[in-house]
Amino acid sequence: MGFDWYRAFQQDEKNNIAVERQIVATPVLYLRGDKDPGLGLERYLEGLRHGGLYDVRGETIADSGHFAPDEQPEEVAWALERFLE
């Protein structure tokens, strides 16, 4: 059962191809901690836009890693307030 997520990859790929080029107009905010390893913020935003997100914005949360809401809750709240204005 724990490996079912991995077993679903092939079907997930087929599902993604079926809706390729579908535009999602819902505004999306992508937050990322500045100490979170991986690709830079712009690379993630580029991938999300390529996936169909029409209105995606991103911000980096200072002094946090993967769990920015736990590590910097006030910064996350301020980012959400700016996004919702």
C-alpha atoms as a PDB file:
ATOM      1  CA  MET A   1       0.000   0.000   0.000  1.00  0.00           C
ATOM      2  CA  GLY A   2       2.841   2.402   0.770  1.00  0.00           C
ATOM      3  CA  PHE A   3       4.115   2.104  -2.792  1.00  0.00           C
ATOM      4  CA  ASP A   4       0.750   2.771  -4.473  1.00  0.00           C
ATOM      5  CA  TRP A   5       1.697   6.424  -4.890  1.00  0.00           C
ATOM      6  CA  TYR A   6       4.656   5.342  -7.051  1.00  0.00           C
ATOM      7  CA  ARG A   7       2.574   2.765  -8.900  1.00  0.00           C
ATOM      8  CA  ALA A   8       0.170   5.534  -9.936  1.00  0.00           C
ATOM      9  CA  PHE A   9       2.854   7.512 -11.812  1.00  0.00           C
ATOM     10  CA  GLN A  10       2.033   5.996 -15.215  1.00  0.00           C
ATOM     11  CA  GLN A  11      -1.675   6.771 -14.877  1.00  0.00           C
ATOM     12  CA  ASP A  12      -0.845  10.238 -13.561  1.00  0.00           C
ATOM     13  CA  GLU A  13       1.240  10.893 -16.666  1.00  0.00           C
ATOM     14  CA  LYS A  14      -1.674   9.833 -18.907  1.00  0.00           C
ATOM     15  CA  ASN A  15      -4.064  12.072 -16.971  1.00  0.00           C
ATOM     16  CA  ASN A  16      -1.691  15.030 -17.281  1.00  0.00           C
ATOM     17  CA  ILE A  17      -1.382  14.560 -21.048  1.00  0.00           C
ATOM     18  CA  ALA A  18      -5.185  14.456 -21.345  1.00  0.00           C
ATOM     19  CA  VAL A  19      -5.522  17.928 -19.808  1.00  0.00           C
ATOM     20  CA  GLU A  20      -2.349  19.413 -21.277  1.00  0.00           C
ATOM     21  CA  ARG A  21      -2.779  23.048 -22.255  1.00  0.00           C
ATOM     22  CA  GLN A  22      -5.793  23.450 -19.992  1.00  0.00           C
ATOM     23  CA  ILE A  23      -5.650  26.931 -18.450  1.00  0.00           C
ATOM     24  CA  VAL A  24      -6.278  27.387 -14.724  1.00  0.00           C
ATOM     25  CA  ALA A  25      -7.346  30.994 -14.110  1.00  0.00           C
ATOM     26  CA  THR A  26      -7.522  30.759 -10.309  1.00  0.00           C
ATOM     27  CA  PRO A  27      -4.852  33.006  -8.749  1.00  0.00           C
ATOM     28  CA  VAL A  28      -2.166  30.935  -7.008  1.00  0.00           C
ATOM     29  CA  LEU A  29       0.510  31.978  -4.527  1.00  0.00           C
ATOM     30  CA  TYR A  30       3.581  29.745  -4.308  1.00  0.00           C
ATOM     31  CA  LEU A  31       5.627  30.288  -1.148  1.00  0.00           C
ATOM     32  CA  ARG A  32       9.090  28.869  -0.698  1.00  0.00           C
ATOM     33  CA  GLY A  33      11.533  29.086   2.190  1.00  0.00           C
ATOM     34  CA  ASP A  34      14.885  30.597   1.309  1.00  0.00           C
ATOM     35  CA  LYS A  35      16.676  27.654   2.947  1.00  0.00           C
ATOM     36  CA  ASP A  36      14.591  25.012   1.162  1.00  0.00           C
ATOM     37  CA  PRO A  37      16.940  23.019  -1.093  1.00  0.00           C
ATOM     38  CA  GLY A  38      16.109  22.519  -4.715  1.00  0.00           C
ATOM     39  CA  LEU A  39      15.563  24.669  -7.735  1.00  0.00           C
ATOM     40  CA  GLY A  40      15.173  28.428  -7.531  1.00  0.00           C
ATOM     41  CA  LEU A  41      11.795  30.092  -7.151  1.00  0.00           C
ATOM     42  CA  GLU A  42      11.605  31.136 -10.807  1.00  0.00           C
ATOM     43  CA  ARG A  43      12.138  27.555 -11.995  1.00  0.00           C
ATOM     44  CA  TYR A  44       9.178  26.382  -9.912  1.00  0.00           C
ATOM     45  CA  LEU A  45       6.999  29.252 -11.151  1.00  0.00           C
ATOM     46  CA  GLU A  46       7.996  28.487 -14.723  1.00  0.00           C
ATOM     47  CA  GLY A  47       6.957  24.859 -14.265  1.00  0.00           C
ATOM     48  CA  LEU A  48       3.623  25.839 -12.741  1.00  0.00           C
ATOM     49  CA  ARG A  49       2.934  28.230 -15.608  1.00  0.00           C
ATOM     50  CA  HIS A  50       3.881  25.545 -18.105  1.00  0.00           C
ATOM     51  CA  GLY A  51       1.395  23.288 -16.323  1.00  0.00           C
ATOM     52  CA  GLY A  52      -1.428  25.736 -17.057  1.00  0.00           C
ATOM     53  CA  LEU A  53      -1.518  28.112 -14.096  1.00  0.00           C
ATOM     54  CA  TYR A  54      -2.351  31.438 -15.703  1.00  0.00           C
ATOM     55  CA  ASP A  55      -1.988  33.692 -12.647  1.00  0.00           C
ATOM     56  CA  VAL A  56       0.751  32.302 -10.396  1.00  0.00           C
ATOM     57  CA  ARG A  57       2.896  34.478  -8.163  1.00  0.00           C
ATOM     58  CA  GLY A  58       5.723  33.468  -5.900  1.00  0.00           C
ATOM     59  CA  GLU A  59       7.505  34.754  -2.842  1.00  0.00           C
ATOM     60  CA  THR A  60      10.439  33.559  -0.813  1.00  0.00           C
ATOM     61  CA  ILE A  61      10.043  33.418   2.952  1.00  0.00           C
ATOM     62  CA  ALA A  62      13.265  34.453   4.715  1.00  0.00           C
ATOM     63  CA  ASP A  63      14.880  32.310   7.408  1.00  0.00           C
ATOM     64  CA  SER A  64      12.769  29.247   6.692  1.00  0.00           C
ATOM     65  CA  GLY A  65      13.034  25.920   4.967  1.00  0.00           C
ATOM     66  CA  HIS A  66      10.380  23.475   3.836  1.00  0.00           C
ATOM     67  CA  PHE A  67       7.963  24.267   6.678  1.00  0.00           C
ATOM     68  CA  ALA A  68       7.671  28.041   6.294  1.00  0.00           C
ATOM     69  CA  PRO A  69       4.235  28.277   8.009  1.00  0.00           C
ATOM     70  CA  ASP A  70       5.703  26.665  11.136  1.00  0.00           C
ATOM     71  CA  GLU A  71       9.069  28.411  10.967  1.00  0.00           C
ATOM     72  CA  GLN A  72       7.948  31.936   9.995  1.00  0.00           C
ATOM     73  CA  PRO A  73       4.162  32.178  10.513  1.00  0.00           C
ATOM     74  CA  GLU A  74       4.069  35.990  10.548  1.00  0.00           C
ATOM     75  CA  GLU A  75       5.995  36.238   7.265  1.00  0.00           C
ATOM     76  CA  VAL A  76       3.649  33.716   5.665  1.00  0.00           C
ATOM     77  CA  ALA A  77       0.616  35.644   6.952  1.00  0.00           C
ATOM     78  CA  TRP A  78       1.989  38.903   5.515  1.00  0.00           C
ATOM     79  CA  ALA A  79       2.644  37.233   2.161  1.00  0.00           C
ATOM     80  CA  LEU A  80      -0.948  35.964   2.129  1.00  0.00           C
ATOM     81  CA  GLU A  81      -2.286  39.419   2.994  1.00  0.00           C
ATOM     82  CA  ARG A  82      -0.329  41.002   0.119  1.00  0.00           C
ATOM     83  CA  PHE A  83      -1.563  38.311  -2.253  1.00  0.00           C
ATOM     84  CA  LEU A  84      -5.205  38.734  -1.231  1.00  0.00           C
ATOM     85  CA  GLU A  85      -5.232  42.539  -1.557  1.00  0.00           C
END
